[in-house]
Amino acid sequence: IEAPPGHGKSEGCSRNLPAFLFGRDPNTRVIACSYTQDLAAEMNRDVQRVMDSSHYRDLFPGTRLGGENVRALAGKPRRNSDIFDIAGCRGYYKAAGVGVGITGRRFDKGIIDDPIKDREEAKSAAHREKIWRWFTGVFLKRQARGAGVLITATRWDGDDLIGRIKRKMGSREMEPFAILTLP
């Protein structure tokens, strides 16, 4: 999804969609990334707030989070701003900054929300190349069989992540993505 800032991309794709996915299937494994670890952690906490709401419990009574602020306790679901588990299921949500390692995890649904912070970063060829190498060499390698990938971004440069994907799809070097452009 490509759209300008302030059009609800993060609200829909990074805050509400993961909660909905867990409600539909609590065994879903989600890895969600943004341009910094801090922003990714903030999105993680927002998903937890949605899932803690009474409305969510009414809609999805079988999907629950574990206790508050659990890093690692034997037999207890983790729940912190880096990762949380769905209690009694194999589902989890891992938050990571773009460029950060996510080794050791697989995703059924991978979300990248704004891999580039602003126009200044987007104009750096070295930064765009770093994101591309992370996307192809780290992120895509973590897909489980049949996984889905959602990228939502403000387009700052024609050679940004979405621009490169479009180019690679056009030359058949990459499997097709559906592109939704919102002006």
N, C-alpha and C. Protein backbone atom coordinates (compact mmCIF):
# COMPACT_ATOMS: atom_id res chain seq x y z
N ILE A 1 0.86 -1.17 0.00
CA ILE A 1 0.00 0.00 0.00
C ILE A 1 0.89 1.22 0.00
N GLU A 2 0.72 2.06 -0.98
CA GLU A 2 1.47 3.31 -1.02
C GLU A 2 0.48 4.46 -0.88
N ALA A 3 0.75 5.34 0.10
CA ALA A 3 -0.13 6.47 0.38
C ALA A 3 0.67 7.53 1.13
N PRO A 4 0.21 8.78 1.04
CA PRO A 4 0.91 9.86 1.74
C PRO A 4 0.80 9.71 3.27
N PRO A 5 1.61 10.47 4.00
CA PRO A 5 1.52 10.45 5.46
C PRO A 5 0.12 10.87 5.92
N GLY A 6 -0.29 10.33 7.07
CA GLY A 6 -1.53 10.74 7.69
C GLY A 6 -2.79 10.18 7.07
N HIS A 7 -2.68 9.10 6.31
CA HIS A 7 -3.86 8.52 5.67
C HIS A 7 -4.33 7.23 6.33
N GLY A 8 -3.85 6.92 7.53
CA GLY A 8 -4.34 5.78 8.28
C GLY A 8 -3.68 4.45 7.96
N LYS A 9 -2.55 4.48 7.26
CA LYS A 9 -1.87 3.22 6.92
C LYS A 9 -1.51 2.44 8.19
N SER A 10 -0.87 3.09 9.12
CA SER A 10 -0.42 2.41 10.34
C SER A 10 -1.60 1.96 11.19
N GLU A 11 -2.61 2.79 11.28
CA GLU A 11 -3.79 2.43 12.09
C GLU A 11 -4.42 1.14 11.58
N GLY A 12 -4.62 1.07 10.29
CA GLY A 12 -5.26 -0.11 9.72
C GLY A 12 -4.36 -1.32 9.64
N CYS A 13 -3.15 -1.11 9.15
CA CYS A 13 -2.27 -2.24 8.83
C CYS A 13 -1.41 -2.71 10.00
N SER A 14 -1.01 -1.80 10.87
CA SER A 14 -0.07 -2.18 11.93
C SER A 14 -0.69 -2.27 13.31
N ARG A 15 -1.82 -1.61 13.52
CA ARG A 15 -2.46 -1.67 14.83
C ARG A 15 -3.66 -2.62 14.84
N ASN A 16 -4.53 -2.50 13.86
CA ASN A 16 -5.76 -3.28 13.87
C ASN A 16 -5.66 -4.61 13.14
N LEU A 17 -4.95 -4.66 12.02
CA LEU A 17 -4.87 -5.90 11.25
C LEU A 17 -4.26 -7.05 12.07
N PRO A 18 -3.12 -6.87 12.75
CA PRO A 18 -2.58 -8.01 13.51
C PRO A 18 -3.57 -8.53 14.55
N ALA A 19 -4.25 -7.64 15.25
CA ALA A 19 -5.24 -8.08 16.25
C ALA A 19 -6.33 -8.91 15.57
N PHE A 20 -6.80 -8.46 14.42
CA PHE A 20 -7.82 -9.20 13.67
C PHE A 20 -7.29 -10.57 13.25
N LEU A 21 -6.04 -10.61 12.76
CA LEU A 21 -5.46 -11.89 12.34
C LEU A 21 -5.41 -12.88 13.50
N PHE A 22 -5.01 -12.41 14.68
CA PHE A 22 -4.97 -13.28 15.86
C PHE A 22 -6.37 -13.73 16.27
N GLY A 23 -7.35 -12.83 16.14
CA GLY A 23 -8.72 -13.20 16.46
C GLY A 23 -9.23 -14.29 15.56
N ARG A 24 -8.88 -14.22 14.29
CA ARG A 24 -9.30 -15.23 13.32
C ARG A 24 -8.54 -16.54 13.48
N ASP A 25 -7.23 -16.43 13.78
CA ASP A 25 -6.40 -17.63 13.96
C ASP A 25 -5.31 -17.32 14.99
N PRO A 26 -5.49 -17.73 16.23
CA PRO A 26 -4.53 -17.41 17.28
C PRO A 26 -3.18 -18.11 17.12
N ASN A 27 -3.04 -18.96 16.13
CA ASN A 27 -1.74 -19.60 15.85
C ASN A 27 -0.93 -18.84 14.82
N THR A 28 -1.42 -17.71 14.36
CA THR A 28 -0.70 -16.90 13.36
C THR A 28 0.57 -16.34 13.97
N ARG A 29 1.64 -16.42 13.20
CA ARG A 29 2.93 -15.84 13.61
C ARG A 29 3.16 -14.58 12.78
N VAL A 30 3.30 -13.45 13.48
CA VAL A 30 3.44 -12.16 12.83
C VAL A 30 4.80 -11.56 13.18
N ILE A 31 5.49 -11.08 12.16
CA ILE A 31 6.66 -10.24 12.36
C ILE A 31 6.33 -8.89 11.74
N ALA A 32 6.41 -7.84 12.55
CA ALA A 32 6.06 -6.50 12.10
C ALA A 32 7.26 -5.58 12.29
N CYS A 33 7.62 -4.89 11.22
CA CYS A 33 8.82 -4.04 11.22
C CYS A 33 8.48 -2.62 10.81
N SER A 34 9.23 -1.69 11.35
CA SER A 34 9.13 -0.29 10.96
C SER A 34 10.53 0.30 10.94
N TYR A 35 10.66 1.55 10.55
CA TYR A 35 12.00 2.12 10.34
C TYR A 35 12.87 2.18 11.59
N THR A 36 12.29 2.14 12.77
CA THR A 36 13.09 2.03 13.99
C THR A 36 12.46 1.00 14.93
N GLN A 37 13.28 0.46 15.79
CA GLN A 37 12.79 -0.49 16.80
C GLN A 37 11.78 0.19 17.72
N ASP A 38 12.03 1.46 18.05
CA ASP A 38 11.11 2.19 18.94
C ASP A 38 9.70 2.27 18.35
N LEU A 39 9.60 2.59 17.05
CA LEU A 39 8.29 2.67 16.42
C LEU A 39 7.66 1.28 16.33
N ALA A 40 8.45 0.28 16.01
CA ALA A 40 7.92 -1.10 15.96
C ALA A 40 7.39 -1.51 17.33
N ALA A 41 8.11 -1.17 18.40
CA ALA A 41 7.66 -1.50 19.77
C ALA A 41 6.38 -0.75 20.12
N GLU A 42 6.26 0.49 19.66
CA GLU A 42 5.04 1.26 19.90
C GLU A 42 3.84 0.59 19.22
N MET A 43 4.04 0.11 18.00
CA MET A 43 2.96 -0.59 17.29
C MET A 43 2.59 -1.87 18.04
N ASN A 44 3.59 -2.58 18.57
CA ASN A 44 3.36 -3.79 19.36
C ASN A 44 2.44 -3.47 20.53
N ARG A 45 2.76 -2.43 21.27
CA ARG A 45 1.94 -2.05 22.44
C ARG A 45 0.52 -1.67 22.01
N ASP A 46 0.40 -1.02 20.85
CA ASP A 46 -0.93 -0.64 20.35
C ASP A 46 -1.76 -1.88 20.00
N VAL A 47 -1.14 -2.89 19.39
CA VAL A 47 -1.86 -4.13 19.09
C VAL A 47 -2.34 -4.77 20.40
N GLN A 48 -1.48 -4.77 21.41
CA GLN A 48 -1.88 -5.34 22.70
C GLN A 48 -3.05 -4.58 23.30
N ARG A 49 -3.05 -3.24 23.17
CA ARG A 49 -4.17 -2.44 23.70
C ARG A 49 -5.47 -2.81 22.99
N VAL A 50 -5.42 -2.99 21.68
CA VAL A 50 -6.61 -3.40 20.94
C VAL A 50 -7.10 -4.75 21.47
N MET A 51 -6.17 -5.68 21.65
CA MET A 51 -6.54 -7.04 22.08
C MET A 51 -7.01 -7.09 23.52
N ASP A 52 -6.63 -6.12 24.33
CA ASP A 52 -7.07 -6.05 25.72
C ASP A 52 -8.44 -5.39 25.88
N SER A 53 -8.96 -4.79 24.82
CA SER A 53 -10.22 -4.06 24.93
C SER A 53 -11.40 -5.00 25.11
N SER A 54 -12.44 -4.50 25.74
CA SER A 54 -13.65 -5.31 25.94
C SER A 54 -14.31 -5.63 24.60
N HIS A 55 -14.24 -4.71 23.65
CA HIS A 55 -14.82 -4.96 22.32
C HIS A 55 -14.14 -6.15 21.66
N TYR A 56 -12.81 -6.20 21.77
CA TYR A 56 -12.05 -7.31 21.16
C TYR A 56 -12.43 -8.64 21.83
N ARG A 57 -12.49 -8.63 23.16
CA ARG A 57 -12.85 -9.85 23.90
C ARG A 57 -14.25 -10.34 23.51
N ASP A 58 -15.15 -9.40 23.23
CA ASP A 58 -16.49 -9.78 22.78
C ASP A 58 -16.45 -10.41 21.39
N LEU A 59 -15.65 -9.84 20.50
CA LEU A 59 -15.55 -10.35 19.12
C LEU A 59 -14.79 -11.65 19.03
N PHE A 60 -13.70 -11.76 19.80
CA PHE A 60 -12.81 -12.92 19.71
C PHE A 60 -12.56 -13.49 21.11
N PRO A 61 -13.55 -14.14 21.69
CA PRO A 61 -13.42 -14.60 23.07
C PRO A 61 -12.36 -15.69 23.27
N GLY A 62 -11.93 -16.35 22.21
CA GLY A 62 -10.93 -17.41 22.36
C GLY A 62 -9.49 -16.97 22.21
N THR A 63 -9.25 -15.68 21.99
CA THR A 63 -7.88 -15.18 21.79
C THR A 63 -7.51 -14.27 22.94
N ARG A 64 -6.45 -14.64 23.67
CA ARG A 64 -6.02 -13.89 24.84
C ARG A 64 -4.51 -13.72 24.87
N LEU A 65 -4.08 -12.62 25.47
CA LEU A 65 -2.67 -12.39 25.74
C LEU A 65 -2.34 -12.92 27.13
N GLY A 66 -1.06 -13.06 27.41
CA GLY A 66 -0.62 -13.48 28.74
C GLY A 66 -0.62 -12.30 29.70
N GLY A 67 0.02 -12.49 30.84
CA GLY A 67 0.12 -11.45 31.87
C GLY A 67 0.93 -10.26 31.41
N GLU A 68 0.97 -9.24 32.22
CA GLU A 68 1.66 -8.00 31.89
C GLU A 68 3.18 -8.13 31.97
N ASN A 69 3.87 -7.53 31.03
CA ASN A 69 5.32 -7.34 31.02
C ASN A 69 6.11 -8.60 31.39
N VAL A 70 5.88 -9.67 30.66
CA VAL A 70 6.60 -10.92 30.88
C VAL A 70 7.68 -11.05 29.82
N ARG A 71 8.93 -11.16 30.25
CA ARG A 71 10.06 -11.34 29.32
C ARG A 71 10.25 -12.82 29.03
N ALA A 72 10.46 -13.60 30.05
CA ALA A 72 10.67 -15.04 29.86
C ALA A 72 10.46 -15.75 31.18
N LEU A 73 9.37 -16.42 31.31
CA LEU A 73 9.09 -17.26 32.46
C LEU A 73 8.64 -18.61 31.93
N ALA A 74 9.26 -19.66 32.40
CA ALA A 74 8.93 -21.00 31.90
C ALA A 74 7.43 -21.24 31.97
N GLY A 75 6.88 -21.62 30.83
CA GLY A 75 5.47 -21.96 30.78
C GLY A 75 4.51 -20.79 30.68
N LYS A 76 5.02 -19.55 30.74
CA LYS A 76 4.15 -18.37 30.66
C LYS A 76 4.33 -17.71 29.29
N PRO A 77 3.23 -17.23 28.70
CA PRO A 77 3.36 -16.51 27.43
C PRO A 77 4.10 -15.19 27.63
N ARG A 78 5.02 -14.90 26.72
CA ARG A 78 5.76 -13.64 26.79
C ARG A 78 4.82 -12.49 26.45
N ARG A 79 5.12 -11.35 27.05
CA ARG A 79 4.35 -10.15 26.75
C ARG A 79 5.17 -8.93 27.12
N ASN A 80 5.77 -8.33 26.12
CA ASN A 80 6.54 -7.11 26.30
C ASN A 80 6.50 -6.33 24.99
N SER A 81 7.28 -5.29 24.87
CA SER A 81 7.19 -4.46 23.66
C SER A 81 8.00 -5.01 22.50
N ASP A 82 8.76 -6.08 22.71
CA ASP A 82 9.50 -6.73 21.62
C ASP A 82 8.70 -7.89 21.03
N ILE A 83 8.06 -8.65 21.90
CA ILE A 83 7.34 -9.84 21.45
C ILE A 83 6.21 -10.17 22.42
N PHE A 84 5.12 -10.66 21.88
CA PHE A 84 4.09 -11.23 22.75
C PHE A 84 3.57 -12.50 22.11
N ASP A 85 3.12 -13.40 22.98
CA ASP A 85 2.56 -14.68 22.57
C ASP A 85 1.06 -14.67 22.78
N ILE A 86 0.37 -15.48 22.01
CA ILE A 86 -1.05 -15.70 22.22
C ILE A 86 -1.16 -16.87 23.21
N ALA A 87 -1.79 -16.62 24.33
CA ALA A 87 -1.86 -17.62 25.41
C ALA A 87 -2.48 -18.92 24.90
N GLY A 88 -1.79 -20.02 25.18
CA GLY A 88 -2.30 -21.34 24.83
C GLY A 88 -2.20 -21.71 23.36
N CYS A 89 -1.57 -20.87 22.55
CA CYS A 89 -1.47 -21.11 21.10
C CYS A 89 -0.03 -20.88 20.64
N ARG A 90 0.24 -21.17 19.39
CA ARG A 90 1.60 -20.97 18.88
C ARG A 90 1.81 -19.59 18.27
N GLY A 91 0.75 -18.78 18.22
CA GLY A 91 0.84 -17.45 17.62
C GLY A 91 1.70 -16.50 18.44
N TYR A 92 2.37 -15.61 17.73
CA TYR A 92 3.15 -14.56 18.38
C TYR A 92 3.26 -13.35 17.47
N TYR A 93 3.66 -12.23 18.06
CA TYR A 93 3.89 -10.98 17.36
C TYR A 93 5.29 -10.52 17.74
N LYS A 94 6.16 -10.43 16.77
CA LYS A 94 7.53 -9.97 16.98
C LYS A 94 7.68 -8.62 16.32
N ALA A 95 8.09 -7.62 17.09
CA ALA A 95 8.34 -6.28 16.58
C ALA A 95 9.84 -6.10 16.35
N ALA A 96 10.20 -5.49 15.22
CA ALA A 96 11.62 -5.27 14.92
C ALA A 96 11.79 -4.02 14.07
N GLY A 97 12.92 -3.39 14.24
CA GLY A 97 13.26 -2.27 13.36
C GLY A 97 13.76 -2.81 12.03
N VAL A 98 13.50 -2.08 10.96
CA VAL A 98 14.02 -2.46 9.65
C VAL A 98 15.54 -2.46 9.73
N GLY A 99 16.14 -3.53 9.26
CA GLY A 99 17.59 -3.66 9.32
C GLY A 99 18.05 -4.50 10.49
N VAL A 100 17.16 -4.74 11.44
CA VAL A 100 17.49 -5.54 12.62
C VAL A 100 17.29 -7.02 12.30
N GLY A 101 18.12 -7.86 12.89
CA GLY A 101 17.99 -9.29 12.66
C GLY A 101 16.71 -9.86 13.25
N ILE A 102 16.10 -10.78 12.54
CA ILE A 102 14.91 -11.48 13.02
C ILE A 102 15.14 -12.99 12.91
N THR A 103 16.40 -13.37 12.92
CA THR A 103 16.77 -14.77 12.78
C THR A 103 16.15 -15.59 13.90
N GLY A 104 15.79 -16.82 13.57
CA GLY A 104 15.22 -17.72 14.56
C GLY A 104 13.71 -17.66 14.60
N ARG A 105 13.11 -16.80 13.83
CA ARG A 105 11.66 -16.65 13.79
C ARG A 105 11.17 -16.88 12.36
N ARG A 106 9.96 -17.31 12.24
CA ARG A 106 9.27 -17.43 10.95
C ARG A 106 7.99 -16.63 11.06
N PHE A 107 7.49 -16.18 9.93
CA PHE A 107 6.20 -15.50 9.95
C PHE A 107 5.24 -16.11 8.95
N ASP A 108 3.96 -16.08 9.39
CA ASP A 108 2.86 -16.40 8.49
C ASP A 108 2.39 -15.11 7.83
N LYS A 109 2.48 -14.02 8.58
CA LYS A 109 2.14 -12.69 8.08
C LYS A 109 3.27 -11.75 8.45
N GLY A 110 3.89 -11.17 7.45
CA GLY A 110 4.97 -10.20 7.66
C GLY A 110 4.50 -8.82 7.27
N ILE A 111 4.71 -7.85 8.15
CA ILE A 111 4.27 -6.48 7.91
C ILE A 111 5.47 -5.55 7.99
N ILE A 112 5.61 -4.72 6.98
CA ILE A 112 6.62 -3.65 7.02
C ILE A 112 5.85 -2.35 6.88
N ASP A 113 5.93 -1.52 7.89
CA ASP A 113 5.22 -0.24 7.93
C ASP A 113 6.26 0.88 7.89
N ASP A 114 6.26 1.61 6.81
CA ASP A 114 7.20 2.71 6.62
C ASP A 114 8.65 2.30 6.88
N PRO A 115 9.27 1.61 5.92
CA PRO A 115 10.67 1.22 6.08
C PRO A 115 11.63 2.42 6.03
N ILE A 116 11.17 3.53 5.48
CA ILE A 116 11.99 4.75 5.38
C ILE A 116 11.30 5.85 6.18
N LYS A 117 12.08 6.52 7.01
CA LYS A 117 11.53 7.53 7.93
C LYS A 117 11.06 8.79 7.21
N ASP A 118 11.88 9.29 6.27
CA ASP A 118 11.56 10.58 5.68
C ASP A 118 12.30 10.76 4.35
N ARG A 119 12.09 11.90 3.72
CA ARG A 119 12.69 12.17 2.42
C ARG A 119 14.22 12.15 2.48
N GLU A 120 14.80 12.64 3.57
CA GLU A 120 16.26 12.66 3.70
C GLU A 120 16.83 11.25 3.63
N GLU A 121 16.25 10.31 4.37
CA GLU A 121 16.70 8.92 4.30
C GLU A 121 16.48 8.35 2.90
N ALA A 122 15.34 8.67 2.31
CA ALA A 122 14.99 8.13 1.00
C ALA A 122 15.95 8.59 -0.09
N LYS A 123 16.53 9.76 0.06
CA LYS A 123 17.44 10.28 -0.95
C LYS A 123 18.84 9.68 -0.84
N SER A 124 19.09 8.91 0.20
CA SER A 124 20.39 8.26 0.38
C SER A 124 20.39 6.91 -0.35
N ALA A 125 21.17 6.82 -1.42
CA ALA A 125 21.26 5.56 -2.18
C ALA A 125 21.78 4.44 -1.28
N ALA A 126 22.71 4.75 -0.39
CA ALA A 126 23.26 3.73 0.52
C ALA A 126 22.18 3.22 1.47
N HIS A 127 21.33 4.11 1.95
CA HIS A 127 20.27 3.70 2.87
C HIS A 127 19.23 2.85 2.14
N ARG A 128 18.86 3.25 0.94
CA ARG A 128 17.90 2.45 0.16
C ARG A 128 18.46 1.07 -0.13
N GLU A 129 19.73 0.99 -0.44
CA GLU A 129 20.37 -0.31 -0.71
C GLU A 129 20.40 -1.18 0.54
N LYS A 130 20.67 -0.57 1.69
CA LYS A 130 20.68 -1.31 2.97
C LYS A 130 19.30 -1.91 3.24
N ILE A 131 18.24 -1.14 3.02
CA ILE A 131 16.88 -1.65 3.24
C ILE A 131 16.59 -2.78 2.26
N TRP A 132 16.98 -2.63 1.00
CA TRP A 132 16.73 -3.67 0.01
C TRP A 132 17.44 -4.97 0.39
N ARG A 133 18.69 -4.86 0.80
CA ARG A 133 19.45 -6.07 1.20
C ARG A 133 18.82 -6.74 2.41
N TRP A 134 18.36 -5.94 3.38
CA TRP A 134 17.69 -6.51 4.55
C TRP A 134 16.39 -7.19 4.12
N PHE A 135 15.61 -6.53 3.26
CA PHE A 135 14.34 -7.08 2.82
C PHE A 135 14.53 -8.41 2.11
N THR A 136 15.46 -8.49 1.17
CA THR A 136 15.66 -9.71 0.38
C THR A 136 16.50 -10.75 1.12
N GLY A 137 17.45 -10.31 1.93
CA GLY A 137 18.37 -11.24 2.57
C GLY A 137 17.97 -11.68 3.97
N VAL A 138 17.08 -10.93 4.61
CA VAL A 138 16.66 -11.26 5.98
C VAL A 138 15.14 -11.46 6.03
N PHE A 139 14.39 -10.41 5.74
CA PHE A 139 12.94 -10.45 5.93
C PHE A 139 12.28 -11.56 5.10
N LEU A 140 12.49 -11.56 3.80
CA LEU A 140 11.83 -12.56 2.96
C LEU A 140 12.26 -13.99 3.28
N LYS A 141 13.44 -14.16 3.84
CA LYS A 141 13.94 -15.49 4.20
C LYS A 141 13.21 -16.06 5.41
N ARG A 142 12.46 -15.24 6.14
CA ARG A 142 11.77 -15.68 7.35
C ARG A 142 10.33 -16.12 7.07
N GLN A 143 9.92 -16.12 5.81
CA GLN A 143 8.55 -16.51 5.46
C GLN A 143 8.32 -18.00 5.67
N ALA A 144 7.21 -18.33 6.28
CA ALA A 144 6.76 -19.71 6.34
C ALA A 144 6.09 -20.03 4.99
N ARG A 145 5.89 -21.29 4.73
CA ARG A 145 5.20 -21.68 3.49
C ARG A 145 3.82 -21.04 3.45
N GLY A 146 3.50 -20.40 2.32
CA GLY A 146 2.20 -19.76 2.15
C GLY A 146 2.04 -18.43 2.87
N ALA A 147 3.14 -17.84 3.33
CA ALA A 147 3.09 -16.59 4.09
C ALA A 147 2.61 -15.42 3.23
N GLY A 148 2.10 -14.42 3.90
CA GLY A 148 1.71 -13.17 3.25
C GLY A 148 2.59 -12.03 3.73
N VAL A 149 2.86 -11.09 2.83
CA VAL A 149 3.68 -9.93 3.14
C VAL A 149 2.86 -8.68 2.82
N LEU A 150 2.84 -7.74 3.75
CA LEU A 150 2.18 -6.46 3.55
C LEU A 150 3.20 -5.36 3.80
N ILE A 151 3.37 -4.51 2.82
CA ILE A 151 4.25 -3.35 2.97
C ILE A 151 3.38 -2.11 2.80
N THR A 152 3.48 -1.21 3.74
CA THR A 152 2.75 0.05 3.65
C THR A 152 3.76 1.17 3.82
N ALA A 153 3.71 2.13 2.91
CA ALA A 153 4.74 3.16 2.94
C ALA A 153 4.31 4.44 2.25
N THR A 154 4.90 5.51 2.71
CA THR A 154 4.87 6.76 1.98
C THR A 154 5.99 6.67 0.95
N ARG A 155 5.71 6.99 -0.28
CA ARG A 155 6.71 6.93 -1.34
C ARG A 155 7.51 8.22 -1.34
N TRP A 156 8.79 8.11 -1.00
CA TRP A 156 9.66 9.28 -0.97
C TRP A 156 10.59 9.33 -2.18
N ASP A 157 10.78 8.17 -2.82
CA ASP A 157 11.75 8.09 -3.91
C ASP A 157 11.36 6.94 -4.83
N GLY A 158 11.60 7.07 -6.12
CA GLY A 158 11.26 6.03 -7.08
C GLY A 158 12.05 4.75 -6.90
N ASP A 159 13.18 4.83 -6.18
CA ASP A 159 14.02 3.65 -5.95
C ASP A 159 13.88 3.14 -4.52
N ASP A 160 12.79 3.50 -3.84
CA ASP A 160 12.58 2.99 -2.49
C ASP A 160 12.16 1.53 -2.57
N LEU A 161 11.82 0.93 -1.45
CA LEU A 161 11.50 -0.50 -1.40
C LEU A 161 10.36 -0.86 -2.37
N ILE A 162 9.27 -0.12 -2.33
CA ILE A 162 8.15 -0.42 -3.22
C ILE A 162 8.55 -0.19 -4.68
N GLY A 163 9.32 0.86 -4.95
CA GLY A 163 9.79 1.11 -6.31
C GLY A 163 10.63 -0.03 -6.85
N ARG A 164 11.52 -0.56 -6.02
CA ARG A 164 12.36 -1.69 -6.46
C ARG A 164 11.52 -2.94 -6.67
N ILE A 165 10.56 -3.18 -5.80
CA ILE A 165 9.68 -4.34 -5.97
C ILE A 165 8.94 -4.22 -7.30
N LYS A 166 8.40 -3.05 -7.60
CA LYS A 166 7.69 -2.85 -8.87
C LYS A 166 8.61 -3.13 -10.06
N ARG A 167 9.82 -2.61 -9.99
CA ARG A 167 10.78 -2.82 -11.08
C ARG A 167 11.12 -4.30 -11.23
N LYS A 168 11.37 -4.99 -10.13
CA LYS A 168 11.71 -6.42 -10.17
C LYS A 168 10.53 -7.24 -10.66
N MET A 169 9.31 -6.85 -10.29
CA MET A 169 8.13 -7.56 -10.79
C MET A 169 8.01 -7.37 -12.29
N GLY A 170 8.27 -6.14 -12.77
CA GLY A 170 8.17 -5.85 -14.19
C GLY A 170 9.13 -6.65 -15.03
N SER A 171 10.31 -6.95 -14.47
CA SER A 171 11.30 -7.75 -15.21
C SER A 171 11.22 -9.23 -14.82
N ARG A 172 10.19 -9.59 -14.09
CA ARG A 172 9.92 -10.97 -13.66
C ARG A 172 11.04 -11.56 -12.78
N GLU A 173 11.75 -10.69 -12.06
CA GLU A 173 12.78 -11.14 -11.13
C GLU A 173 12.21 -11.39 -9.74
N MET A 174 10.95 -11.05 -9.55
CA MET A 174 10.31 -11.19 -8.24
C MET A 174 8.87 -11.61 -8.45
N GLU A 175 8.38 -12.45 -7.53
CA GLU A 175 6.98 -12.85 -7.63
C GLU A 175 6.10 -11.63 -7.47
N PRO A 176 4.92 -11.64 -8.08
CA PRO A 176 4.08 -10.44 -8.07
C PRO A 176 3.51 -10.11 -6.71
N PHE A 177 3.46 -8.83 -6.43
CA PHE A 177 2.77 -8.25 -5.29
C PHE A 177 1.58 -7.50 -5.86
N ALA A 178 0.49 -7.45 -5.13
CA ALA A 178 -0.61 -6.56 -5.49
C ALA A 178 -0.26 -5.18 -4.94
N ILE A 179 -0.38 -4.16 -5.76
CA ILE A 179 -0.03 -2.79 -5.35
C ILE A 179 -1.30 -1.97 -5.26
N LEU A 180 -1.52 -1.33 -4.12
CA LEU A 180 -2.63 -0.43 -3.94
C LEU A 180 -2.05 0.97 -3.75
N THR A 181 -2.38 1.86 -4.66
CA THR A 181 -1.87 3.23 -4.60
C THR A 181 -3.02 4.16 -4.22
N LEU A 182 -2.86 4.84 -3.10
CA LEU A 182 -3.86 5.80 -2.63
C LEU A 182 -3.23 7.18 -2.72
N PRO A 183 -3.75 8.04 -3.61
CA PRO A 183 -3.12 9.37 -3.81
C PRO A 183 -3.31 10.28 -2.59
